[in-house]
Amino acid sequence: MDIEYCYQFKRGKDLLKNYVIDHYEIKSSTQDPLERFIAKLFLNTLYGRFGMRDIDDYLKIMSKDEAEALDKLLIFP
């Protein structure tokens, strides 16, 4: 599969404006259901990515015994 185009973003105002406009125009004007679906996925993925809640991570340095005790408390599938 060949890459036809890509986007490289820089910090600033309205960085994704052209991205959204381009994909919205494709979605609304194309008669090809596959092309419309892909444009819709790109728009929904962007919205979903920015709509995600930030997860607070923290780092704690502990002894091996503390880590093993904590490991016993956590339940992983």
Protein backbone atom coordinates (compact mmCIF):
# COMPACT_ATOMS: atom_id res chain seq x y z
CA MET A 1 0.00 0.00 0.00
CA ASP A 2 1.36 3.42 -0.95
CA ILE A 3 0.92 6.57 1.12
CA GLU A 4 -0.90 9.13 -0.99
CA TYR A 5 -0.69 12.07 1.41
CA CYS A 6 -0.16 12.91 5.06
CA TYR A 7 -0.58 15.82 7.44
CA GLN A 8 2.08 17.38 9.61
CA PHE A 9 0.77 19.73 12.28
CA LYS A 10 2.46 22.64 13.99
CA ARG A 11 1.31 24.47 17.08
CA GLY A 12 -0.84 27.49 16.44
CA LYS A 13 -4.32 28.79 15.85
CA ASP A 14 -6.73 26.87 13.61
CA LEU A 15 -4.27 24.05 12.95
CA LEU A 16 -6.91 21.51 12.07
CA LYS A 17 -9.26 23.85 10.25
CA ASN A 18 -8.14 22.82 6.75
CA TYR A 19 -8.08 19.13 7.77
CA VAL A 20 -11.71 19.33 8.91
CA ILE A 21 -12.83 21.38 5.90
CA ASP A 22 -11.12 19.02 3.42
CA HIS A 23 -12.57 15.86 4.94
CA TYR A 24 -16.01 17.39 5.44
CA GLU A 25 -16.10 18.40 1.76
CA ILE A 26 -15.11 14.86 0.73
CA LYS A 27 -17.75 13.39 3.02
CA SER A 28 -20.54 15.64 1.82
CA SER A 29 -19.76 15.70 -1.92
CA THR A 30 -18.65 12.18 -2.85
CA GLN A 31 -20.95 9.57 -4.31
CA ASP A 32 -18.53 6.76 -3.43
CA PRO A 33 -19.74 5.15 -0.16
CA LEU A 34 -16.25 3.93 0.75
CA GLU A 35 -14.67 7.37 0.29
CA ARG A 36 -17.47 8.94 2.34
CA PHE A 37 -17.01 6.36 5.10
CA ILE A 38 -13.25 6.96 5.29
CA ALA A 39 -13.70 10.76 5.43
CA LYS A 40 -16.29 10.29 8.18
CA LEU A 41 -13.91 8.04 10.14
CA PHE A 42 -11.14 10.64 9.90
CA LEU A 43 -13.49 13.32 11.24
CA ASN A 44 -14.85 11.11 14.02
CA THR A 45 -11.38 9.96 15.04
CA LEU A 46 -10.22 13.55 15.37
CA TYR A 47 -13.25 14.44 17.47
CA GLY A 48 -12.83 11.34 19.63
CA ARG A 49 -9.16 12.00 20.21
CA PHE A 50 -9.71 15.55 21.43
CA GLY A 51 -12.76 14.52 23.42
CA MET A 52 -10.77 12.10 25.55
CA ARG A 53 -10.30 12.83 29.19
CA ASP A 54 -6.72 13.27 30.35
CA ILE A 55 -5.49 10.48 32.57
CA ASP A 56 -3.42 11.54 35.53
CA ASP A 57 -0.28 9.45 35.77
CA TYR A 58 2.18 9.56 38.59
CA LEU A 59 5.41 7.84 39.38
CA LYS A 60 6.29 6.52 42.82
CA ILE A 61 9.60 4.96 43.71
CA MET A 62 9.13 2.10 46.16
CA SER A 63 10.88 -0.91 47.50
CA LYS A 64 10.50 -4.36 45.94
CA ASP A 65 8.40 -5.50 48.93
CA GLU A 66 6.01 -2.55 48.54
CA ALA A 67 5.69 -3.26 44.81
CA GLU A 68 4.93 -6.93 45.42
CA ALA A 69 2.30 -6.04 48.05
CA LEU A 70 0.70 -3.58 45.64
CA ASP A 71 0.79 -6.17 42.86
CA LYS A 72 -1.23 -8.56 45.03
CA LEU A 73 -3.92 -5.90 45.52
CA LEU A 74 -4.33 -5.11 41.83
CA ILE A 75 -6.52 -7.35 39.72
CA PHE A 76 -5.51 -7.75 36.10
CA PRO A 77 -7.50 -9.83 33.60
